[in-house]
Each structure stands twice: as structure tokens, then as C-alpha cells.
Amino acid sequence: MATQDLRSSWAITSRHLIASKGHLPSPLPNEALDVLHQMDEFLNHNELGLALEEAEFLGNLCHSPPAFWAELQRAAENMGLSEASSRFAARQ
């Protein structure tokens, strides 16, 4: 069973990933819709690492703005993924 600290960390990461979607350009290209759906599926199943990977792919497809990448950086930092965090920081 997950500890309260772990559940809190998951909630923080999820909030950043969900917030990142609010910075996506509109309308999304058709190929991005499938990626967005897959990201949502991973979020719904608490597969946060996979959701982060899909978010990065989505951001690249959509040429997302710096605010999108800032949310991904925060999510990666919260997950302890320093390499991903640095990669996202470079996109801001």
C-alpha cells in the first residue's frame, strides 16, 4: 500500500501534468489527439512516468509554449527525473 507521502507526490505530479494540457495550442493537430487520449489513459491509471513521456511527445507535436514545458519540468522534478527536468527547462 502506498504511503501518504507517496500519494501526495502522485497528486502533485498529476496536477502538473493536467495543468500542462491547458497550455496546448488549439486546435490540436489530428495526430496529437491520439497522443492526448493516451496521456489521459495513463493519468487515469496513475502511470505517471508513461503520462510524462506522452506529454513530451505531445508537446513536440504541437510546438507547445514555454508554460507547457514548465509544467512538465515541475512534474519531472517532483518525480526525481533530473534528466527530463533539465530537458524541459531548456524548452522554456
PDB file of N, CA and C in Angstrom:
ATOM      1  N   MET A   1       0.834  -1.172   0.000  1.00  0.00           N
ATOM      2  CA  MET A   1       0.000   0.000   0.000  1.00  0.00           C
ATOM      3  C   MET A   1       0.886   1.245   0.000  1.00  0.00           C
ATOM      4  N   ALA A   2       0.478   2.254  -0.757  1.00  0.00           N
ATOM      5  CA  ALA A   2       1.251   3.485  -0.869  1.00  0.00           C
ATOM      6  C   ALA A   2       1.127   4.322   0.402  1.00  0.00           C
ATOM      7  N   THR A   3       2.221   4.944   0.769  1.00  0.00           N
ATOM      8  CA  THR A   3       2.212   5.818   1.934  1.00  0.00           C
ATOM      9  C   THR A   3       1.514   7.132   1.590  1.00  0.00           C
ATOM     10  N   GLN A   4       1.181   7.874   2.618  1.00  0.00           N
ATOM     11  CA  GLN A   4       0.548   9.181   2.403  1.00  0.00           C
ATOM     12  C   GLN A   4       1.485  10.110   1.634  1.00  0.00           C
ATOM     13  N   ASP A   5       2.781  10.072   1.929  1.00  0.00           N
ATOM     14  CA  ASP A   5       3.742  10.915   1.211  1.00  0.00           C
ATOM     15  C   ASP A   5       3.768  10.572  -0.269  1.00  0.00           C
ATOM     16  N   LEU A   6       3.735   9.288  -0.577  1.00  0.00           N
ATOM     17  CA  LEU A   6       3.750   8.868  -1.974  1.00  0.00           C
ATOM     18  C   LEU A   6       2.474   9.298  -2.677  1.00  0.00           C
ATOM     19  N   ARG A   7       1.339   9.127  -2.030  1.00  0.00           N
ATOM     20  CA  ARG A   7       0.074   9.550  -2.639  1.00  0.00           C
ATOM     21  C   ARG A   7       0.062  11.061  -2.862  1.00  0.00           C
ATOM     22  N   SER A   8       0.627  11.812  -1.934  1.00  0.00           N
ATOM     23  CA  SER A   8       0.713  13.270  -2.090  1.00  0.00           C
ATOM     24  C   SER A   8       1.600  13.639  -3.275  1.00  0.00           C
ATOM     25  N   SER A   9       2.702  12.928  -3.421  1.00  0.00           N
ATOM     26  CA  SER A   9       3.605  13.166  -4.540  1.00  0.00           C
ATOM     27  C   SER A   9       2.920  12.858  -5.868  1.00  0.00           C
ATOM     28  N   TRP A  10       2.183  11.753  -5.903  1.00  0.00           N
ATOM     29  CA  TRP A  10       1.439  11.414  -7.122  1.00  0.00           C
ATOM     30  C   TRP A  10       0.444  12.511  -7.477  1.00  0.00           C
ATOM     31  N   ALA A  11      -0.228  13.043  -6.475  1.00  0.00           N
ATOM     32  CA  ALA A  11      -1.222  14.093  -6.711  1.00  0.00           C
ATOM     33  C   ALA A  11      -0.566  15.351  -7.273  1.00  0.00           C
ATOM     34  N   ILE A  12       0.596  15.704  -6.750  1.00  0.00           N
ATOM     35  CA  ILE A  12       1.315  16.878  -7.248  1.00  0.00           C
ATOM     36  C   ILE A  12       1.714  16.670  -8.706  1.00  0.00           C
ATOM     37  N   THR A  13       2.298  15.517  -8.994  1.00  0.00           N
ATOM     38  CA  THR A  13       2.706  15.225 -10.368  1.00  0.00           C
ATOM     39  C   THR A  13       1.509  15.252 -11.300  1.00  0.00           C
ATOM     40  N   SER A  14       0.429  14.631 -10.892  1.00  0.00           N
ATOM     41  CA  SER A  14      -0.789  14.610 -11.720  1.00  0.00           C
ATOM     42  C   SER A  14      -1.286  16.022 -11.998  1.00  0.00           C
ATOM     43  N   ARG A  15      -1.279  16.864 -10.973  1.00  0.00           N
ATOM     44  CA  ARG A  15      -1.749  18.248 -11.162  1.00  0.00           C
ATOM     45  C   ARG A  15      -0.897  18.979 -12.207  1.00  0.00           C
ATOM     46  N   HIS A  16       0.407  18.769 -12.176  1.00  0.00           N
ATOM     47  CA  HIS A  16       1.270  19.430 -13.162  1.00  0.00           C
ATOM     48  C   HIS A  16       1.007  18.888 -14.567  1.00  0.00           C
ATOM     49  N   LEU A  17       0.827  17.594 -14.675  1.00  0.00           N
ATOM     50  CA  LEU A  17       0.562  17.019 -15.993  1.00  0.00           C
ATOM     51  C   LEU A  17      -0.788  17.485 -16.533  1.00  0.00           C
ATOM     52  N   ILE A  18      -1.774  17.527 -15.685  1.00  0.00           N
ATOM     53  CA  ILE A  18      -3.094  18.004 -16.111  1.00  0.00           C
ATOM     54  C   ILE A  18      -3.021  19.481 -16.482  1.00  0.00           C
ATOM     55  N   ALA A  19      -2.309  20.265 -15.687  1.00  0.00           N
ATOM     56  CA  ALA A  19      -2.162  21.692 -15.982  1.00  0.00           C
ATOM     57  C   ALA A  19      -1.443  21.923 -17.305  1.00  0.00           C
ATOM     58  N   SER A  20      -0.516  21.054 -17.644  1.00  0.00           N
ATOM     59  CA  SER A  20       0.223  21.224 -18.907  1.00  0.00           C
ATOM     60  C   SER A  20      -0.723  21.214 -20.100  1.00  0.00           C
ATOM     61  N   LYS A  21      -1.782  20.417 -20.002  1.00  0.00           N
ATOM     62  CA  LYS A  21      -2.723  20.323 -21.128  1.00  0.00           C
ATOM     63  C   LYS A  21      -3.426  21.646 -21.394  1.00  0.00           C
ATOM     64  N   GLY A  22      -3.566  22.478 -20.367  1.00  0.00           N
ATOM     65  CA  GLY A  22      -4.192  23.779 -20.539  1.00  0.00           C
ATOM     66  C   GLY A  22      -3.361  24.752 -21.349  1.00  0.00           C
ATOM     67  N   HIS A  23      -2.110  24.416 -21.583  1.00  0.00           N
ATOM     68  CA  HIS A  23      -1.214  25.282 -22.354  1.00  0.00           C
ATOM     69  C   HIS A  23      -1.023  24.804 -23.796  1.00  0.00           C
ATOM     70  N   LEU A  24      -1.723  23.751 -24.166  1.00  0.00           N
ATOM     71  CA  LEU A  24      -1.595  23.251 -25.540  1.00  0.00           C
ATOM     72  C   LEU A  24      -2.286  24.203 -26.506  1.00  0.00           C
ATOM     73  N   PRO A  25      -1.714  24.354 -27.695  1.00  0.00           N
ATOM     74  CA  PRO A  25      -2.357  25.214 -28.685  1.00  0.00           C
ATOM     75  C   PRO A  25      -3.679  24.600 -29.152  1.00  0.00           C
ATOM     76  N   SER A  26      -4.548  25.456 -29.622  1.00  0.00           N
ATOM     77  CA  SER A  26      -5.846  24.997 -30.122  1.00  0.00           C
ATOM     78  C   SER A  26      -6.045  25.560 -31.515  1.00  0.00           C
ATOM     79  N   PRO A  27      -6.537  24.773 -32.427  1.00  0.00           N
ATOM     80  CA  PRO A  27      -6.891  23.359 -32.295  1.00  0.00           C
ATOM     81  C   PRO A  27      -5.649  22.482 -32.362  1.00  0.00           C
ATOM     82  N   LEU A  28      -5.775  21.297 -31.795  1.00  0.00           N
ATOM     83  CA  LEU A  28      -4.670  20.332 -31.848  1.00  0.00           C
ATOM     84  C   LEU A  28      -4.646  19.661 -33.214  1.00  0.00           C
ATOM     85  N   PRO A  29      -3.449  19.369 -33.714  1.00  0.00           N
ATOM     86  CA  PRO A  29      -3.370  18.571 -34.943  1.00  0.00           C
ATOM     87  C   PRO A  29      -4.000  17.199 -34.697  1.00  0.00           C
ATOM     88  N   ASN A  30      -4.558  16.610 -35.730  1.00  0.00           N
ATOM     89  CA  ASN A  30      -5.243  15.319 -35.592  1.00  0.00           C
ATOM     90  C   ASN A  30      -4.375  14.257 -34.940  1.00  0.00           C
ATOM     91  N   GLU A  31      -3.103  14.180 -35.325  1.00  0.00           N
ATOM     92  CA  GLU A  31      -2.233  13.147 -34.759  1.00  0.00           C
ATOM     93  C   GLU A  31      -1.995  13.364 -33.266  1.00  0.00           C
ATOM     94  N   ALA A  32      -2.168  14.587 -32.804  1.00  0.00           N
ATOM     95  CA  ALA A  32      -1.976  14.882 -31.388  1.00  0.00           C
ATOM     96  C   ALA A  32      -3.152  14.402 -30.539  1.00  0.00           C
ATOM     97  N   LEU A  33      -4.311  14.276 -31.131  1.00  0.00           N
ATOM     98  CA  LEU A  33      -5.484  13.847 -30.369  1.00  0.00           C
ATOM     99  C   LEU A  33      -5.317  12.442 -29.810  1.00  0.00           C
ATOM    100  N   ASP A  34      -4.734  11.552 -30.595  1.00  0.00           N
ATOM    101  CA  ASP A  34      -4.486  10.190 -30.113  1.00  0.00           C
ATOM    102  C   ASP A  34      -3.478  10.183 -28.968  1.00  0.00           C
ATOM    103  N   VAL A  35      -2.468  11.012 -29.087  1.00  0.00           N
ATOM    104  CA  VAL A  35      -1.448  11.101 -28.031  1.00  0.00           C
ATOM    105  C   VAL A  35      -2.073  11.665 -26.761  1.00  0.00           C
ATOM    106  N   LEU A  36      -2.908  12.678 -26.901  1.00  0.00           N
ATOM    107  CA  LEU A  36      -3.597  13.256 -25.749  1.00  0.00           C
ATOM    108  C   LEU A  36      -4.484  12.213 -25.073  1.00  0.00           C
ATOM    109  N   HIS A  37      -5.191  11.435 -25.867  1.00  0.00           N
ATOM    110  CA  HIS A  37      -6.041  10.376 -25.312  1.00  0.00           C
ATOM    111  C   HIS A  37      -5.190   9.357 -24.546  1.00  0.00           C
ATOM    112  N   GLN A  38      -4.049   8.984 -25.106  1.00  0.00           N
ATOM    113  CA  GLN A  38      -3.177   8.021 -24.434  1.00  0.00           C
ATOM    114  C   GLN A  38      -2.621   8.601 -23.138  1.00  0.00           C
ATOM    115  N   MET A  39      -2.253   9.863 -23.165  1.00  0.00           N
ATOM    116  CA  MET A  39      -1.775  10.531 -21.951  1.00  0.00           C
ATOM    117  C   MET A  39      -2.852  10.482 -20.870  1.00  0.00           C
ATOM    118  N   ASP A  40      -4.084  10.800 -21.245  1.00  0.00           N
ATOM    119  CA  ASP A  40      -5.192  10.761 -20.289  1.00  0.00           C
ATOM    120  C   ASP A  40      -5.402   9.356 -19.730  1.00  0.00           C
ATOM    121  N   GLU A  41      -5.266   8.345 -20.569  1.00  0.00           N
ATOM    122  CA  GLU A  41      -5.402   6.963 -20.095  1.00  0.00           C
ATOM    123  C   GLU A  41      -4.348   6.643 -19.043  1.00  0.00           C
ATOM    124  N   PHE A  42      -3.116   7.060 -19.315  1.00  0.00           N
ATOM    125  CA  PHE A  42      -2.045   6.815 -18.349  1.00  0.00           C
ATOM    126  C   PHE A  42      -2.301   7.580 -17.046  1.00  0.00           C
ATOM    127  N   LEU A  43      -2.777   8.814 -17.148  1.00  0.00           N
ATOM    128  CA  LEU A  43      -3.106   9.574 -15.948  1.00  0.00           C
ATOM    129  C   LEU A  43      -4.208   8.888 -15.152  1.00  0.00           C
ATOM    130  N   ASN A  44      -5.212   8.395 -15.841  1.00  0.00           N
ATOM    131  CA  ASN A  44      -6.335   7.734 -15.167  1.00  0.00           C
ATOM    132  C   ASN A  44      -5.910   6.461 -14.441  1.00  0.00           C
ATOM    133  N   HIS A  45      -4.819   5.853 -14.892  1.00  0.00           N
ATOM    134  CA  HIS A  45      -4.331   4.618 -14.267  1.00  0.00           C
ATOM    135  C   HIS A  45      -3.087   4.859 -13.403  1.00  0.00           C
ATOM    136  N   ASN A  46      -2.814   6.131 -13.115  1.00  0.00           N
ATOM    137  CA  ASN A  46      -1.684   6.511 -12.262  1.00  0.00           C
ATOM    138  C   ASN A  46      -0.343   6.029 -12.811  1.00  0.00           C
ATOM    139  N   GLU A  47      -0.240   5.951 -14.111  1.00  0.00           N
ATOM    140  CA  GLU A  47       1.018   5.606 -14.786  1.00  0.00           C
ATOM    141  C   GLU A  47       1.705   6.920 -15.152  1.00  0.00           C
ATOM    142  N   LEU A  48       2.232   7.584 -14.150  1.00  0.00           N
ATOM    143  CA  LEU A  48       2.689   8.956 -14.320  1.00  0.00           C
ATOM    144  C   LEU A  48       3.936   9.080 -15.187  1.00  0.00           C
ATOM    145  N   GLY A  49       4.831   8.122 -15.105  1.00  0.00           N
ATOM    146  CA  GLY A  49       6.017   8.153 -15.968  1.00  0.00           C
ATOM    147  C   GLY A  49       5.641   8.039 -17.430  1.00  0.00           C
ATOM    148  N   LEU A  50       4.712   7.149 -17.732  1.00  0.00           N
ATOM    149  CA  LEU A  50       4.250   6.997 -19.109  1.00  0.00           C
ATOM    150  C   LEU A  50       3.468   8.226 -19.561  1.00  0.00           C
ATOM    151  N   ALA A  51       2.684   8.812 -18.657  1.00  0.00           N
ATOM    152  CA  ALA A  51       1.942  10.025 -18.986  1.00  0.00           C
ATOM    153  C   ALA A  51       2.909  11.167 -19.306  1.00  0.00           C
ATOM    154  N   LEU A  52       4.007  11.248 -18.553  1.00  0.00           N
ATOM    155  CA  LEU A  52       5.004  12.279 -18.814  1.00  0.00           C
ATOM    156  C   LEU A  52       5.645  12.086 -20.188  1.00  0.00           C
ATOM    157  N   GLU A  53       5.941  10.856 -20.543  1.00  0.00           N
ATOM    158  CA  GLU A  53       6.508  10.573 -21.873  1.00  0.00           C
ATOM    159  C   GLU A  53       5.541  10.977 -22.978  1.00  0.00           C
ATOM    160  N   GLU A  54       4.268  10.655 -22.803  1.00  0.00           N
ATOM    161  CA  GLU A  54       3.271  11.036 -23.804  1.00  0.00           C
ATOM    162  C   GLU A  54       3.133  12.550 -23.873  1.00  0.00           C
ATOM    163  N   ALA A  55       3.198  13.213 -22.722  1.00  0.00           N
ATOM    164  CA  ALA A  55       3.110  14.672 -22.697  1.00  0.00           C
ATOM    165  C   ALA A  55       4.275  15.300 -23.464  1.00  0.00           C
ATOM    166  N   GLU A  56       5.454  14.739 -23.298  1.00  0.00           N
ATOM    167  CA  GLU A  56       6.608  15.269 -24.038  1.00  0.00           C
ATOM    168  C   GLU A  56       6.414  15.093 -25.542  1.00  0.00           C
ATOM    169  N   PHE A  57       5.945  13.924 -25.934  1.00  0.00           N
ATOM    170  CA  PHE A  57       5.683  13.675 -27.347  1.00  0.00           C
ATOM    171  C   PHE A  57       4.623  14.648 -27.862  1.00  0.00           C
ATOM    172  N   LEU A  58       3.586  14.851 -27.083  1.00  0.00           N
ATOM    173  CA  LEU A  58       2.510  15.764 -27.441  1.00  0.00           C
ATOM    174  C   LEU A  58       3.032  17.189 -27.586  1.00  0.00           C
ATOM    175  N   GLY A  59       3.845  17.610 -26.648  1.00  0.00           N
ATOM    176  CA  GLY A  59       4.418  18.949 -26.715  1.00  0.00           C
ATOM    177  C   GLY A  59       5.257  19.168 -27.959  1.00  0.00           C
ATOM    178  N   ASN A  60       5.989  18.147 -28.355  1.00  0.00           N
ATOM    179  CA  ASN A  60       6.793  18.256 -29.573  1.00  0.00           C
ATOM    180  C   ASN A  60       5.917  18.302 -30.820  1.00  0.00           C
ATOM    181  N   LEU A  61       4.849  17.516 -30.827  1.00  0.00           N
ATOM    182  CA  LEU A  61       3.926  17.517 -31.971  1.00  0.00           C
ATOM    183  C   LEU A  61       3.260  18.872 -32.165  1.00  0.00           C
ATOM    184  N   CYS A  62       2.961  19.517 -31.051  1.00  0.00           N
ATOM    185  CA  CYS A  62       2.161  20.746 -31.090  1.00  0.00           C
ATOM    186  C   CYS A  62       2.986  22.023 -31.005  1.00  0.00           C
ATOM    187  N   HIS A  63       4.300  21.904 -30.918  1.00  0.00           N
ATOM    188  CA  HIS A  63       5.150  23.087 -30.748  1.00  0.00           C
ATOM    189  C   HIS A  63       4.619  23.923 -29.588  1.00  0.00           C
ATOM    190  N   SER A  64       4.514  23.293 -28.441  1.00  0.00           N
ATOM    191  CA  SER A  64       3.893  23.898 -27.264  1.00  0.00           C
ATOM    192  C   SER A  64       4.717  25.045 -26.690  1.00  0.00           C
ATOM    193  N   PRO A  65       4.043  25.972 -26.005  1.00  0.00           N
ATOM    194  CA  PRO A  65       4.709  27.162 -25.458  1.00  0.00           C
ATOM    195  C   PRO A  65       5.509  26.844 -24.198  1.00  0.00           C
ATOM    196  N   PRO A  66       6.318  27.786 -23.760  1.00  0.00           N
ATOM    197  CA  PRO A  66       7.143  27.589 -22.571  1.00  0.00           C
ATOM    198  C   PRO A  66       6.354  27.184 -21.322  1.00  0.00           C
ATOM    199  N   ALA A  67       5.150  27.694 -21.153  1.00  0.00           N
ATOM    200  CA  ALA A  67       4.363  27.351 -19.962  1.00  0.00           C
ATOM    201  C   ALA A  67       4.054  25.851 -19.911  1.00  0.00           C
ATOM    202  N   PHE A  68       3.856  25.237 -21.062  1.00  0.00           N
ATOM    203  CA  PHE A  68       3.632  23.800 -21.130  1.00  0.00           C
ATOM    204  C   PHE A  68       4.850  23.059 -20.593  1.00  0.00           C
ATOM    205  N   TRP A  69       6.025  23.458 -21.076  1.00  0.00           N
ATOM    206  CA  TRP A  69       7.260  22.794 -20.683  1.00  0.00           C
ATOM    207  C   TRP A  69       7.586  23.048 -19.210  1.00  0.00           C
ATOM    208  N   ALA A  70       7.184  24.207 -18.686  1.00  0.00           N
ATOM    209  CA  ALA A  70       7.400  24.496 -17.265  1.00  0.00           C
ATOM    210  C   ALA A  70       6.608  23.515 -16.397  1.00  0.00           C
ATOM    211  N   GLU A  71       5.382  23.202 -16.804  1.00  0.00           N
ATOM    212  CA  GLU A  71       4.585  22.225 -16.050  1.00  0.00           C
ATOM    213  C   GLU A  71       5.223  20.842 -16.116  1.00  0.00           C
ATOM    214  N   LEU A  72       5.734  20.473 -17.285  1.00  0.00           N
ATOM    215  CA  LEU A  72       6.409  19.172 -17.392  1.00  0.00           C
ATOM    216  C   LEU A  72       7.665  19.153 -16.544  1.00  0.00           C
ATOM    217  N   GLN A  73       8.383  20.270 -16.501  1.00  0.00           N
ATOM    218  CA  GLN A  73       9.579  20.330 -15.669  1.00  0.00           C
ATOM    219  C   GLN A  73       9.217  20.121 -14.200  1.00  0.00           C
ATOM    220  N   ARG A  74       8.158  20.765 -13.752  1.00  0.00           N
ATOM    221  CA  ARG A  74       7.736  20.609 -12.354  1.00  0.00           C
ATOM    222  C   ARG A  74       7.331  19.166 -12.059  1.00  0.00           C
ATOM    223  N   ALA A  75       6.641  18.550 -13.005  1.00  0.00           N
ATOM    224  CA  ALA A  75       6.249  17.147 -12.828  1.00  0.00           C
ATOM    225  C   ALA A  75       7.486  16.260 -12.737  1.00  0.00           C
ATOM    226  N   ALA A  76       8.429  16.477 -13.645  1.00  0.00           N
ATOM    227  CA  ALA A  76       9.651  15.670 -13.652  1.00  0.00           C
ATOM    228  C   ALA A  76      10.457  15.882 -12.375  1.00  0.00           C
ATOM    229  N   GLU A  77      10.550  17.125 -11.919  1.00  0.00           N
ATOM    230  CA  GLU A  77      11.268  17.401 -10.670  1.00  0.00           C
ATOM    231  C   GLU A  77      10.619  16.660  -9.509  1.00  0.00           C
ATOM    232  N   ASN A  78       9.304  16.685  -9.461  1.00  0.00           N
ATOM    233  CA  ASN A  78       8.601  16.020  -8.377  1.00  0.00           C
ATOM    234  C   ASN A  78       8.813  14.506  -8.413  1.00  0.00           C
ATOM    235  N   MET A  79       9.017  13.976  -9.605  1.00  0.00           N
ATOM    236  CA  MET A  79       9.241  12.543  -9.767  1.00  0.00           C
ATOM    237  C   MET A  79      10.715  12.169  -9.579  1.00  0.00           C
ATOM    238  N   GLY A  80      11.581  13.173  -9.424  1.00  0.00           N
ATOM    239  CA  GLY A  80      13.005  12.907  -9.263  1.00  0.00           C
ATOM    240  C   GLY A  80      13.701  12.566 -10.565  1.00  0.00           C
ATOM    241  N   LEU A  81      13.158  13.030 -11.675  1.00  0.00           N
ATOM    242  CA  LEU A  81      13.713  12.742 -13.000  1.00  0.00           C
ATOM    243  C   LEU A  81      14.527  13.945 -13.476  1.00  0.00           C
ATOM    244  N   SER A  82      15.759  14.033 -12.992  1.00  0.00           N
ATOM    245  CA  SER A  82      16.569  15.222 -13.250  1.00  0.00           C
ATOM    246  C   SER A  82      16.902  15.415 -14.725  1.00  0.00           C
ATOM    247  N   GLU A  83      17.148  14.337 -15.448  1.00  0.00           N
ATOM    248  CA  GLU A  83      17.466  14.472 -16.874  1.00  0.00           C
ATOM    249  C   GLU A  83      16.274  15.038 -17.637  1.00  0.00           C
ATOM    250  N   ALA A  84      15.093  14.501 -17.374  1.00  0.00           N
ATOM    251  CA  ALA A  84      13.881  15.013 -18.035  1.00  0.00           C
ATOM    252  C   ALA A  84      13.626  16.456 -17.606  1.00  0.00           C
ATOM    253  N   SER A  85      13.809  16.746 -16.334  1.00  0.00           N
ATOM    254  CA  SER A  85      13.594  18.102 -15.842  1.00  0.00           C
ATOM    255  C   SER A  85      14.506  19.096 -16.575  1.00  0.00           C
ATOM    256  N   SER A  86      15.756  18.738 -16.759  1.00  0.00           N
ATOM    257  CA  SER A  86      16.696  19.610 -17.483  1.00  0.00           C
ATOM    258  C   SER A  86      16.280  19.785 -18.941  1.00  0.00           C
ATOM    259  N   ARG A  87      15.821  18.711 -19.545  1.00  0.00           N
ATOM    260  CA  ARG A  87      15.375  18.760 -20.938  1.00  0.00           C
ATOM    261  C   ARG A  87      14.185  19.713 -21.083  1.00  0.00           C
ATOM    262  N   PHE A  88      13.253  19.641 -20.139  1.00  0.00           N
ATOM    263  CA  PHE A  88      12.085  20.501 -20.203  1.00  0.00           C
ATOM    264  C   PHE A  88      12.442  21.960 -19.882  1.00  0.00           C
ATOM    265  N   ALA A  89      13.386  22.153 -18.968  1.00  0.00           N
ATOM    266  CA  ALA A  89      13.813  23.507 -18.621  1.00  0.00           C
ATOM    267  C   ALA A  89      14.416  24.203 -19.837  1.00  0.00           C
ATOM    268  N   ALA A  90      15.099  23.468 -20.672  1.00  0.00           N
ATOM    269  CA  ALA A  90      15.717  24.029 -21.865  1.00  0.00           C
ATOM    270  C   ALA A  90      14.680  24.485 -22.891  1.00  0.00           C
ATOM    271  N   ARG A  91      13.457  24.021 -22.764  1.00  0.00           N
ATOM    272  CA  ARG A  91      12.389  24.379 -23.715  1.00  0.00           C
ATOM    273  C   ARG A  91      11.628  25.636 -23.289  1.00  0.00           C
ATOM    274  N   GLN A  92      11.960  26.178 -22.115  1.00  0.00           N
ATOM    275  CA  GLN A  92      11.213  27.337 -21.603  1.00  0.00           C
ATOM    276  C   GLN A  92      11.821  28.643 -22.084  1.00  0.00           C
TER     277      GLN A  92
END
